[in-house]
PDB file of all heavy atoms in Angstrom:
ATOM      1  N   LEU A   1       4.403 -15.534 -32.283  1.00  0.00           N
ATOM      2  CA  LEU A   1       4.296 -16.221 -33.615  1.00  0.00           C
ATOM      3  C   LEU A   1       4.952 -17.526 -33.696  1.00  0.00           C
ATOM      4  O   LEU A   1       4.446 -18.477 -34.242  1.00  0.00           O
ATOM      5  CB  LEU A   1       4.950 -15.315 -34.752  1.00  0.00           C
ATOM      6  CG  LEU A   1       4.155 -14.080 -35.086  1.00  0.00           C
ATOM      7  CD1 LEU A   1       4.892 -13.152 -35.893  1.00  0.00           C
ATOM      8  CD2 LEU A   1       2.850 -14.371 -35.803  1.00  0.00           C
ATOM      9  N   VAL A   2       6.083 -17.678 -32.938  1.00  0.00           N
ATOM     10  CA  VAL A   2       6.744 -18.969 -32.828  1.00  0.00           C
ATOM     11  C   VAL A   2       5.787 -19.999 -32.119  1.00  0.00           C
ATOM     12  O   VAL A   2       5.675 -21.102 -32.645  1.00  0.00           O
ATOM     13  CB  VAL A   2       8.156 -18.854 -32.117  1.00  0.00           C
ATOM     14  CG1 VAL A   2       8.632 -20.251 -31.580  1.00  0.00           C
ATOM     15  CG2 VAL A   2       9.158 -18.181 -33.000  1.00  0.00           C
ATOM     16  N   ARG A   3       5.119 -19.567 -31.111  1.00  0.00           N
ATOM     17  CA  ARG A   3       4.299 -20.484 -30.435  1.00  0.00           C
ATOM     18  C   ARG A   3       3.065 -20.808 -31.221  1.00  0.00           C
ATOM     19  O   ARG A   3       2.605 -21.949 -31.325  1.00  0.00           O
ATOM     20  CB  ARG A   3       3.779 -19.883 -29.107  1.00  0.00           C
ATOM     21  CG  ARG A   3       4.894 -20.004 -27.970  1.00  0.00           C
ATOM     22  CD  ARG A   3       4.338 -19.559 -26.624  1.00  0.00           C
ATOM     23  NE  ARG A   3       3.759 -18.359 -26.548  1.00  0.00           N
ATOM     24  CZ  ARG A   3       4.244 -17.061 -26.354  1.00  0.00           C
ATOM     25  NH1 ARG A   3       5.573 -17.014 -26.223  1.00  0.00           N
ATOM     26  NH2 ARG A   3       3.552 -16.004 -26.384  1.00  0.00           N
ATOM     27  N   LYS A   4       2.395 -19.800 -31.845  1.00  0.00           N
ATOM     28  CA  LYS A   4       1.192 -19.914 -32.651  1.00  0.00           C
ATOM     29  C   LYS A   4       1.458 -20.932 -33.761  1.00  0.00           C
ATOM     30  O   LYS A   4       0.605 -21.688 -34.061  1.00  0.00           O
ATOM     31  CB  LYS A   4       0.822 -18.628 -33.281  1.00  0.00           C
ATOM     32  CG  LYS A   4      -0.476 -18.682 -34.045  1.00  0.00           C
ATOM     33  CD  LYS A   4      -0.846 -17.276 -34.552  1.00  0.00           C
ATOM     34  CE  LYS A   4      -2.087 -17.370 -35.406  1.00  0.00           C
ATOM     35  NZ  LYS A   4      -2.560 -16.020 -35.831  1.00  0.00           N
ATOM     36  N   TYR A   5       2.584 -20.825 -34.492  1.00  0.00           N
ATOM     37  CA  TYR A   5       2.838 -21.691 -35.694  1.00  0.00           C
ATOM     38  C   TYR A   5       3.687 -22.903 -35.378  1.00  0.00           C
ATOM     39  O   TYR A   5       4.078 -23.608 -36.281  1.00  0.00           O
ATOM     40  CB  TYR A   5       3.450 -20.772 -36.752  1.00  0.00           C
ATOM     41  CG  TYR A   5       2.459 -19.786 -37.331  1.00  0.00           C
ATOM     42  CD1 TYR A   5       2.616 -18.548 -36.940  1.00  0.00           C
ATOM     43  CD2 TYR A   5       1.403 -20.206 -38.051  1.00  0.00           C
ATOM     44  CE1 TYR A   5       1.605 -17.563 -37.468  1.00  0.00           C
ATOM     45  CE2 TYR A   5       0.458 -19.192 -38.556  1.00  0.00           C
ATOM     46  CZ  TYR A   5       0.685 -17.927 -38.276  1.00  0.00           C
ATOM     47  OH  TYR A   5      -0.332 -16.995 -38.731  1.00  0.00           O
ATOM     48  N   GLY A   6       4.124 -23.118 -34.081  1.00  0.00           N
ATOM     49  CA  GLY A   6       4.951 -24.195 -33.725  1.00  0.00           C
ATOM     50  C   GLY A   6       6.247 -24.238 -34.452  1.00  0.00           C
ATOM     51  O   GLY A   6       6.752 -25.306 -34.825  1.00  0.00           O
ATOM     52  N   CYS A   7       6.963 -23.085 -34.604  1.00  0.00           N
ATOM     53  CA  CYS A   7       8.214 -22.983 -35.206  1.00  0.00           C
ATOM     54  C   CYS A   7       9.240 -23.753 -34.425  1.00  0.00           C
ATOM     55  O   CYS A   7       9.282 -23.669 -33.244  1.00  0.00           O
ATOM     56  CB  CYS A   7       8.622 -21.620 -35.454  1.00  0.00           C
ATOM     57  SG  CYS A   7       7.442 -20.653 -36.360  1.00  0.00           S
ATOM     58  N   THR A   8      10.153 -24.399 -35.248  1.00  0.00           N
ATOM     59  CA  THR A   8      11.322 -25.084 -34.519  1.00  0.00           C
ATOM     60  C   THR A   8      12.542 -24.446 -34.906  1.00  0.00           C
ATOM     61  O   THR A   8      13.629 -24.669 -34.261  1.00  0.00           O
ATOM     62  CB  THR A   8      11.367 -26.590 -34.925  1.00  0.00           C
ATOM     63  OG1 THR A   8      11.437 -26.649 -36.324  1.00  0.00           O
ATOM     64  CG2 THR A   8      10.066 -27.318 -34.497  1.00  0.00           C
ATOM     65  N   ARG A   9      12.566 -23.586 -35.846  1.00  0.00           N
ATOM     66  CA  ARG A   9      13.751 -22.835 -36.302  1.00  0.00           C
ATOM     67  C   ARG A   9      13.349 -21.579 -36.923  1.00  0.00           C
ATOM     68  O   ARG A   9      12.245 -21.415 -37.503  1.00  0.00           O
ATOM     69  CB  ARG A   9      14.523 -23.550 -37.412  1.00  0.00           C
ATOM     70  CG  ARG A   9      15.479 -24.632 -36.827  1.00  0.00           C
ATOM     71  CD  ARG A   9      16.273 -25.120 -37.925  1.00  0.00           C
ATOM     72  NE  ARG A   9      16.191 -26.614 -37.847  1.00  0.00           N
ATOM     73  CZ  ARG A   9      16.140 -27.404 -38.798  1.00  0.00           C
ATOM     74  NH1 ARG A   9      16.266 -27.043 -40.053  1.00  0.00           N
ATOM     75  NH2 ARG A   9      15.937 -28.666 -38.601  1.00  0.00           N
ATOM     76  N   MET A  10      14.239 -20.628 -36.781  1.00  0.00           N
ATOM     77  CA  MET A  10      14.025 -19.179 -37.492  1.00  0.00           C
ATOM     78  C   MET A  10      15.271 -18.877 -38.350  1.00  0.00           C
ATOM     79  O   MET A  10      16.404 -19.293 -37.878  1.00  0.00           O
ATOM     80  CB  MET A  10      13.826 -18.001 -36.481  1.00  0.00           C
ATOM     81  CG  MET A  10      12.398 -18.047 -35.845  1.00  0.00           C
ATOM     82  SD  MET A  10      12.189 -16.617 -34.812  1.00  0.00           S
ATOM     83  CE  MET A  10      12.869 -17.201 -33.327  1.00  0.00           C
ATOM     84  N   VAL A  11      15.024 -18.164 -39.417  1.00  0.00           N
ATOM     85  CA  VAL A  11      16.114 -17.745 -40.289  1.00  0.00           C
ATOM     86  C   VAL A  11      16.092 -16.158 -40.135  1.00  0.00           C
ATOM     87  O   VAL A  11      15.111 -15.534 -40.489  1.00  0.00           O
ATOM     88  CB  VAL A  11      16.049 -18.180 -41.707  1.00  0.00           C
ATOM     89  CG1 VAL A  11      17.141 -17.670 -42.559  1.00  0.00           C
ATOM     90  CG2 VAL A  11      15.966 -19.718 -41.827  1.00  0.00           C
ATOM     91  N   VAL A  12      17.200 -15.632 -39.787  1.00  0.00           N
ATOM     92  CA  VAL A  12      17.461 -14.232 -39.639  1.00  0.00           C
ATOM     93  C   VAL A  12      18.509 -13.763 -40.744  1.00  0.00           C
ATOM     94  O   VAL A  12      19.535 -14.372 -40.759  1.00  0.00           O
ATOM     95  CB  VAL A  12      17.859 -13.822 -38.178  1.00  0.00           C
ATOM     96  CG1 VAL A  12      18.269 -12.327 -38.209  1.00  0.00           C
ATOM     97  CG2 VAL A  12      16.766 -14.163 -37.280  1.00  0.00           C
ATOM     98  N   GLY A  13      18.237 -12.811 -41.489  1.00  0.00           N
ATOM     99  CA  GLY A  13      19.164 -12.244 -42.481  1.00  0.00           C
ATOM    100  C   GLY A  13      20.337 -11.655 -41.786  1.00  0.00           C
ATOM    101  O   GLY A  13      20.266 -10.965 -40.826  1.00  0.00           O
ATOM    102  N   ASN A  14      21.507 -11.926 -42.334  1.00  0.00           N
ATOM    103  CA  ASN A  14      22.791 -11.453 -41.774  1.00  0.00           C
ATOM    104  C   ASN A  14      23.345 -10.445 -42.815  1.00  0.00           C
ATOM    105  O   ASN A  14      23.989 -10.941 -43.738  1.00  0.00           O
ATOM    106  CB  ASN A  14      23.649 -12.617 -41.508  1.00  0.00           C
ATOM    107  CG  ASN A  14      24.894 -12.352 -40.703  1.00  0.00           C
ATOM    108  OD1 ASN A  14      24.937 -11.302 -39.928  1.00  0.00           O
ATOM    109  ND2 ASN A  14      25.916 -13.188 -40.699  1.00  0.00           N
ATOM    110  N   PRO A  15      23.279  -9.197 -42.516  1.00  0.00           N
ATOM    111  CA  PRO A  15      23.711  -8.198 -43.521  1.00  0.00           C
ATOM    112  C   PRO A  15      25.232  -7.942 -43.482  1.00  0.00           C
ATOM    113  O   PRO A  15      25.602  -6.938 -42.874  1.00  0.00           O
ATOM    114  CB  PRO A  15      22.887  -6.944 -43.141  1.00  0.00           C
ATOM    115  CG  PRO A  15      22.693  -7.064 -41.676  1.00  0.00           C
ATOM    116  CD  PRO A  15      22.618  -8.656 -41.492  1.00  0.00           C
ATOM    117  N   LEU A  16      25.981  -8.861 -44.099  1.00  0.00           N
ATOM    118  CA  LEU A  16      27.402  -8.675 -44.099  1.00  0.00           C
ATOM    119  C   LEU A  16      27.762  -7.622 -45.171  1.00  0.00           C
ATOM    120  O   LEU A  16      26.946  -7.449 -46.088  1.00  0.00           O
ATOM    121  CB  LEU A  16      28.052  -9.974 -44.552  1.00  0.00           C
ATOM    122  CG  LEU A  16      27.752 -11.161 -43.502  1.00  0.00           C
ATOM    123  CD1 LEU A  16      28.187 -12.506 -44.200  1.00  0.00           C
ATOM    124  CD2 LEU A  16      28.320 -10.862 -42.223  1.00  0.00           C
ATOM    125  N   TYR A  17      28.963  -7.112 -45.012  1.00  0.00           N
ATOM    126  CA  TYR A  17      29.502  -6.319 -46.087  1.00  0.00           C
ATOM    127  C   TYR A  17      29.784  -7.128 -47.343  1.00  0.00           C
ATOM    128  O   TYR A  17      29.913  -8.419 -47.195  1.00  0.00           O
ATOM    129  CB  TYR A  17      30.812  -5.635 -45.665  1.00  0.00           C
ATOM    130  CG  TYR A  17      30.708  -4.495 -44.841  1.00  0.00           C
ATOM    131  CD1 TYR A  17      31.471  -4.478 -43.591  1.00  0.00           C
ATOM    132  CD2 TYR A  17      29.923  -3.368 -45.072  1.00  0.00           C
ATOM    133  CE1 TYR A  17      31.392  -3.399 -42.770  1.00  0.00           C
ATOM    134  CE2 TYR A  17      29.911  -2.380 -44.151  1.00  0.00           C
ATOM    135  CZ  TYR A  17      30.576  -2.300 -43.092  1.00  0.00           C
ATOM    136  OH  TYR A  17      30.597  -1.211 -42.263  1.00  0.00           O
ATOM    137  N   MET A  18      29.862  -6.592 -48.547  1.00  0.00           N
ATOM    138  CA  MET A  18      30.130  -7.324 -49.709  1.00  0.00           C
ATOM    139  C   MET A  18      31.457  -8.150 -49.612  1.00  0.00           C
ATOM    140  O   MET A  18      31.462  -9.337 -50.255  1.00  0.00           O
ATOM    141  CB  MET A  18      30.226  -6.518 -50.971  1.00  0.00           C
ATOM    142  CG  MET A  18      28.808  -5.857 -51.397  1.00  0.00           C
ATOM    143  SD  MET A  18      27.535  -7.192 -51.595  1.00  0.00           S
ATOM    144  CE  MET A  18      28.211  -7.970 -53.160  1.00  0.00           C
ATOM    145  N   SER A  19      32.328  -7.749 -48.844  1.00  0.00           N
ATOM    146  CA  SER A  19      33.633  -8.435 -48.631  1.00  0.00           C
ATOM    147  C   SER A  19      33.494  -9.659 -47.819  1.00  0.00           C
ATOM    148  O   SER A  19      34.415 -10.481 -47.692  1.00  0.00           O
ATOM    149  CB  SER A  19      34.627  -7.522 -48.000  1.00  0.00           C
ATOM    150  OG  SER A  19      34.123  -7.147 -46.689  1.00  0.00           O
ATOM    151  N   GLY A  20      32.248  -9.729 -47.131  1.00  0.00           N
ATOM    152  CA  GLY A  20      32.034 -10.806 -46.148  1.00  0.00           C
ATOM    153  C   GLY A  20      32.324 -10.429 -44.785  1.00  0.00           C
ATOM    154  O   GLY A  20      32.005 -11.264 -43.868  1.00  0.00           O
ATOM    155  N   ASP A  21      32.894  -9.275 -44.596  1.00  0.00           N
ATOM    156  CA  ASP A  21      33.176  -8.754 -43.146  1.00  0.00           C
ATOM    157  C   ASP A  21      31.898  -8.470 -42.471  1.00  0.00           C
ATOM    158  O   ASP A  21      30.853  -8.194 -43.118  1.00  0.00           O
ATOM    159  CB  ASP A  21      34.140  -7.527 -43.326  1.00  0.00           C
ATOM    160  CG  ASP A  21      35.521  -7.886 -43.705  1.00  0.00           C
ATOM    161  OD1 ASP A  21      35.922  -9.057 -43.533  1.00  0.00           O
ATOM    162  OD2 ASP A  21      36.199  -6.964 -44.290  1.00  0.00           O
ATOM    163  N   ILE A  22      31.997  -8.494 -41.181  1.00  0.00           N
ATOM    164  CA  ILE A  22      30.688  -8.207 -40.341  1.00  0.00           C
ATOM    165  C   ILE A  22      30.519  -6.677 -40.375  1.00  0.00           C
ATOM    166  O   ILE A  22      31.432  -5.844 -39.987  1.00  0.00           O
ATOM    167  CB  ILE A  22      30.956  -8.716 -38.928  1.00  0.00           C
ATOM    168  CG1 ILE A  22      31.027 -10.210 -39.015  1.00  0.00           C
ATOM    169  CG2 ILE A  22      29.738  -8.230 -38.043  1.00  0.00           C
ATOM    170  CD1 ILE A  22      31.439 -10.913 -37.692  1.00  0.00           C
ATOM    171  N   SER A  23      29.318  -6.266 -40.762  1.00  0.00           N
ATOM    172  CA  SER A  23      28.935  -4.825 -40.646  1.00  0.00           C
ATOM    173  C   SER A  23      28.258  -4.471 -39.377  1.00  0.00           C
ATOM    174  O   SER A  23      28.004  -5.452 -38.548  1.00  0.00           O
ATOM    175  CB  SER A  23      27.840  -4.622 -41.888  1.00  0.00           C
ATOM    176  OG  SER A  23      26.548  -5.162 -41.438  1.00  0.00           O
ATOM    177  N   PRO A  24      28.150  -3.188 -39.015  1.00  0.00           N
ATOM    178  CA  PRO A  24      27.468  -2.833 -37.842  1.00  0.00           C
ATOM    179  C   PRO A  24      26.045  -3.441 -37.722  1.00  0.00           C
ATOM    180  O   PRO A  24      25.601  -3.844 -36.766  1.00  0.00           O
ATOM    181  CB  PRO A  24      27.373  -1.358 -37.806  1.00  0.00           C
ATOM    182  CG  PRO A  24      28.633  -0.994 -38.747  1.00  0.00           C
ATOM    183  CD  PRO A  24      28.725  -2.008 -39.713  1.00  0.00           C
ATOM    184  N   GLN A  25      25.319  -3.449 -38.951  1.00  0.00           N
ATOM    185  CA  GLN A  25      23.993  -4.062 -38.895  1.00  0.00           C
ATOM    186  C   GLN A  25      24.029  -5.566 -38.614  1.00  0.00           C
ATOM    187  O   GLN A  25      23.162  -6.092 -38.021  1.00  0.00           O
ATOM    188  CB  GLN A  25      23.327  -3.698 -40.268  1.00  0.00           C
ATOM    189  CG  GLN A  25      22.840  -2.319 -40.465  1.00  0.00           C
ATOM    190  CD  GLN A  25      21.866  -1.869 -39.324  1.00  0.00           C
ATOM    191  OE1 GLN A  25      22.181  -1.068 -38.367  1.00  0.00           O
ATOM    192  NE2 GLN A  25      20.631  -2.443 -39.302  1.00  0.00           N
ATOM    193  N   ALA A  26      25.127  -6.174 -39.131  1.00  0.00           N
ATOM    194  CA  ALA A  26      25.287  -7.621 -38.899  1.00  0.00           C
ATOM    195  C   ALA A  26      25.456  -7.911 -37.400  1.00  0.00           C
ATOM    196  O   ALA A  26      24.843  -8.855 -36.933  1.00  0.00           O
ATOM    197  CB  ALA A  26      26.385  -8.195 -39.667  1.00  0.00           C
ATOM    198  N   LEU A  27      26.164  -7.064 -36.741  1.00  0.00           N
ATOM    199  CA  LEU A  27      26.301  -7.167 -35.266  1.00  0.00           C
ATOM    200  C   LEU A  27      24.912  -7.085 -34.571  1.00  0.00           C
ATOM    201  O   LEU A  27      24.655  -7.879 -33.638  1.00  0.00           O
ATOM    202  CB  LEU A  27      27.235  -6.157 -34.717  1.00  0.00           C
ATOM    203  CG  LEU A  27      28.677  -6.261 -35.166  1.00  0.00           C
ATOM    204  CD1 LEU A  27      29.534  -5.076 -34.590  1.00  0.00           C
ATOM    205  CD2 LEU A  27      29.297  -7.557 -34.505  1.00  0.00           C
ATOM    206  N   LYS A  28      24.086  -6.220 -35.106  1.00  0.00           N
ATOM    207  CA  LYS A  28      22.734  -6.080 -34.484  1.00  0.00           C
ATOM    208  C   LYS A  28      21.922  -7.320 -34.748  1.00  0.00           C
ATOM    209  O   LYS A  28      21.144  -7.749 -33.964  1.00  0.00           O
ATOM    210  CB  LYS A  28      21.993  -4.881 -35.120  1.00  0.00           C
ATOM    211  CG  LYS A  28      22.731  -3.591 -34.523  1.00  0.00           C
ATOM    212  CD  LYS A  28      21.988  -2.462 -35.109  1.00  0.00           C
ATOM    213  CE  LYS A  28      22.610  -1.101 -34.692  1.00  0.00           C
ATOM    214  NZ  LYS A  28      21.959   0.142 -35.313  1.00  0.00           N
ATOM    215  N   ALA A  29      22.011  -7.842 -35.997  1.00  0.00           N
ATOM    216  CA  ALA A  29      21.242  -9.086 -36.415  1.00  0.00           C
ATOM    217  C   ALA A  29      21.793 -10.174 -35.520  1.00  0.00           C
ATOM    218  O   ALA A  29      20.907 -11.094 -35.116  1.00  0.00           O
ATOM    219  CB  ALA A  29      21.423  -9.265 -37.893  1.00  0.00           C
ATOM    220  N   GLN A  30      23.088 -10.345 -35.303  1.00  0.00           N
ATOM    221  CA  GLN A  30      23.606 -11.479 -34.543  1.00  0.00           C
ATOM    222  C   GLN A  30      23.100 -11.345 -33.047  1.00  0.00           C
ATOM    223  O   GLN A  30      22.774 -12.359 -32.500  1.00  0.00           O
ATOM    224  CB  GLN A  30      25.107 -11.520 -34.644  1.00  0.00           C
ATOM    225  CG  GLN A  30      25.591 -11.846 -35.976  1.00  0.00           C
ATOM    226  CD  GLN A  30      27.105 -11.569 -36.203  1.00  0.00           C
ATOM    227  OE1 GLN A  30      27.753 -11.210 -35.343  1.00  0.00           O
ATOM    228  NE2 GLN A  30      27.400 -11.699 -37.416  1.00  0.00           N
ATOM    229  N   ALA A  31      23.067 -10.082 -32.510  1.00  0.00           N
ATOM    230  CA  ALA A  31      22.460  -9.846 -31.186  1.00  0.00           C
ATOM    231  C   ALA A  31      21.038 -10.205 -31.116  1.00  0.00           C
ATOM    232  O   ALA A  31      20.613 -10.908 -30.111  1.00  0.00           O
ATOM    233  CB  ALA A  31      22.766  -8.436 -30.693  1.00  0.00           C
ATOM    234  N   LEU A  32      20.271  -9.919 -32.229  1.00  0.00           N
ATOM    235  CA  LEU A  32      18.865 -10.217 -32.198  1.00  0.00           C
ATOM    236  C   LEU A  32      18.657 -11.691 -32.289  1.00  0.00           C
ATOM    237  O   LEU A  32      17.812 -12.302 -31.476  1.00  0.00           O
ATOM    238  CB  LEU A  32      18.220  -9.589 -33.485  1.00  0.00           C
ATOM    239  CG  LEU A  32      16.738 -10.043 -33.603  1.00  0.00           C
ATOM    240  CD1 LEU A  32      15.769  -9.475 -32.536  1.00  0.00           C
ATOM    241  CD2 LEU A  32      16.272  -9.463 -34.960  1.00  0.00           C
ATOM    242  N   ALA A  33      19.496 -12.432 -33.041  1.00  0.00           N
ATOM    243  CA  ALA A  33      19.449 -13.914 -33.113  1.00  0.00           C
ATOM    244  C   ALA A  33      19.639 -14.592 -31.804  1.00  0.00           C
ATOM    245  O   ALA A  33      18.927 -15.462 -31.354  1.00  0.00           O
ATOM    246  CB  ALA A  33      20.443 -14.391 -34.116  1.00  0.00           C
ATOM    247  N   ARG A  34      20.605 -14.021 -30.925  1.00  0.00           N
ATOM    248  CA  ARG A  34      20.837 -14.526 -29.631  1.00  0.00           C
ATOM    249  C   ARG A  34      19.701 -14.429 -28.722  1.00  0.00           C
ATOM    250  O   ARG A  34      19.259 -15.257 -27.957  1.00  0.00           O
ATOM    251  CB  ARG A  34      22.109 -13.985 -29.048  1.00  0.00           C
ATOM    252  CG  ARG A  34      23.417 -14.493 -29.630  1.00  0.00           C
ATOM    253  CD  ARG A  34      24.675 -13.999 -28.829  1.00  0.00           C
ATOM    254  NE  ARG A  34      24.757 -12.538 -28.757  1.00  0.00           N
ATOM    255  CZ  ARG A  34      25.323 -11.813 -29.659  1.00  0.00           C
ATOM    256  NH1 ARG A  34      25.854 -12.287 -30.699  1.00  0.00           N
ATOM    257  NH2 ARG A  34      25.436 -10.532 -29.550  1.00  0.00           N
ATOM    258  N   ASP A  35      19.136 -13.170 -28.806  1.00  0.00           N
ATOM    259  CA  ASP A  35      17.985 -12.780 -27.985  1.00  0.00           C
ATOM    260  C   ASP A  35      16.742 -13.584 -28.343  1.00  0.00           C
ATOM    261  O   ASP A  35      15.958 -14.079 -27.471  1.00  0.00           O
ATOM    262  CB  ASP A  35      17.596 -11.313 -28.105  1.00  0.00           C
ATOM    263  CG  ASP A  35      18.571 -10.448 -27.483  1.00  0.00           C
ATOM    264  OD1 ASP A  35      19.520 -10.868 -26.718  1.00  0.00           O
ATOM    265  OD2 ASP A  35      18.524  -9.177 -27.705  1.00  0.00           O
ATOM    266  N   LEU A  36      16.639 -13.864 -29.674  1.00  0.00           N
ATOM    267  CA  LEU A  36      15.473 -14.714 -30.050  1.00  0.00           C
ATOM    268  C   LEU A  36      15.580 -16.179 -29.577  1.00  0.00           C
ATOM    269  O   LEU A  36      14.620 -16.766 -29.184  1.00  0.00           O
ATOM    270  CB  LEU A  36      15.396 -14.712 -31.591  1.00  0.00           C
ATOM    271  CG  LEU A  36      14.732 -13.476 -32.279  1.00  0.00           C
ATOM    272  CD1 LEU A  36      14.957 -13.508 -33.736  1.00  0.00           C
ATOM    273  CD2 LEU A  36      13.287 -13.419 -32.025  1.00  0.00           C
ATOM    274  N   GLU A  37      16.784 -16.646 -29.644  1.00  0.00           N
ATOM    275  CA  GLU A  37      17.028 -18.085 -29.173  1.00  0.00           C
ATOM    276  C   GLU A  37      16.706 -18.073 -27.699  1.00  0.00           C
ATOM    277  O   GLU A  37      16.021 -19.027 -27.295  1.00  0.00           O
ATOM    278  CB  GLU A  37      18.476 -18.468 -29.413  1.00  0.00           C
ATOM    279  CG  GLU A  37      18.682 -18.917 -30.787  1.00  0.00           C
ATOM    280  CD  GLU A  37      20.111 -19.405 -31.062  1.00  0.00           C
ATOM    281  OE1 GLU A  37      20.965 -19.183 -30.291  1.00  0.00           O
ATOM    282  OE2 GLU A  37      20.240 -20.124 -32.144  1.00  0.00           O
ATOM    283  N   GLN A  38      17.168 -17.153 -26.801  1.00  0.00           N
ATOM    284  CA  GLN A  38      16.885 -17.071 -25.447  1.00  0.00           C
ATOM    285  C   GLN A  38      15.384 -17.008 -25.272  1.00  0.00           C
ATOM    286  O   GLN A  38      14.830 -17.610 -24.310  1.00  0.00           O
ATOM    287  CB  GLN A  38      17.684 -16.027 -24.743  1.00  0.00           C
ATOM    288  CG  GLN A  38      19.148 -16.343 -24.701  1.00  0.00           C
ATOM    289  CD  GLN A  38      19.912 -15.217 -24.051  1.00  0.00           C
ATOM    290  OE1 GLN A  38      19.441 -14.063 -24.013  1.00  0.00           O
ATOM    291  NE2 GLN A  38      21.128 -15.509 -23.542  1.00  0.00           N
ATOM    292  N   GLU A  39      14.723 -16.112 -25.993  1.00  0.00           N
ATOM    293  CA  GLU A  39      13.317 -15.754 -25.686  1.00  0.00           C
ATOM    294  C   GLU A  39      12.430 -16.902 -26.112  1.00  0.00           C
ATOM    295  O   GLU A  39      11.472 -17.211 -25.373  1.00  0.00           O
ATOM    296  CB  GLU A  39      12.965 -14.462 -26.419  1.00  0.00           C
ATOM    297  CG  GLU A  39      11.442 -14.036 -26.379  1.00  0.00           C
ATOM    298  CD  GLU A  39      11.127 -13.391 -25.084  1.00  0.00           C
ATOM    299  OE1 GLU A  39      12.094 -12.875 -24.461  1.00  0.00           O
ATOM    300  OE2 GLU A  39       9.894 -13.343 -24.728  1.00  0.00           O
ATOM    301  N   THR A  40      12.715 -17.588 -27.201  1.00  0.00           N
ATOM    302  CA  THR A  40      11.795 -18.556 -27.766  1.00  0.00           C
ATOM    303  C   THR A  40      12.205 -19.989 -27.549  1.00  0.00           C
ATOM    304  O   THR A  40      11.405 -20.976 -27.694  1.00  0.00           O
ATOM    305  CB  THR A  40      11.724 -18.405 -29.327  1.00  0.00           C
ATOM    306  OG1 THR A  40      12.933 -18.629 -29.927  1.00  0.00           O
ATOM    307  CG2 THR A  40      11.191 -16.946 -29.658  1.00  0.00           C
ATOM    308  N   GLY A  41      13.451 -20.271 -27.354  1.00  0.00           N
ATOM    309  CA  GLY A  41      14.112 -21.592 -27.158  1.00  0.00           C
ATOM    310  C   GLY A  41      14.251 -22.306 -28.517  1.00  0.00           C
ATOM    311  O   GLY A  41      14.476 -23.583 -28.467  1.00  0.00           O
ATOM    312  N   VAL A  42      14.033 -21.666 -29.718  1.00  0.00           N
ATOM    313  CA  VAL A  42      14.197 -22.239 -30.894  1.00  0.00           C
ATOM    314  C   VAL A  42      15.486 -21.814 -31.583  1.00  0.00           C
ATOM    315  O   VAL A  42      16.000 -20.825 -31.201  1.00  0.00           O
ATOM    316  CB  VAL A  42      13.036 -22.018 -31.969  1.00  0.00           C
ATOM    317  CG1 VAL A  42      11.708 -22.406 -31.351  1.00  0.00           C
ATOM    318  CG2 VAL A  42      13.012 -20.476 -32.344  1.00  0.00           C
ATOM    319  N   SER A  43      16.029 -22.678 -32.432  1.00  0.00           N
ATOM    320  CA  SER A  43      17.295 -22.334 -33.100  1.00  0.00           C
ATOM    321  C   SER A  43      17.172 -21.262 -34.023  1.00  0.00           C
ATOM    322  O   SER A  43      16.136 -21.279 -34.815  1.00  0.00           O
ATOM    323  CB  SER A  43      17.720 -23.639 -33.744  1.00  0.00           C
ATOM    324  OG  SER A  43      18.891 -23.492 -34.546  1.00  0.00           O
TER     325      SER A  43
END
């Protein structure tokens, strides 16, 4: 999809706790974001 649409950036939801602390799901989102950057080369 990044290639098809020529994306230069992606926004990924970061599911923090209401306190702002990092939740287990936020850790997964952050890992996905790192993998997406490596896979696609976009920010």
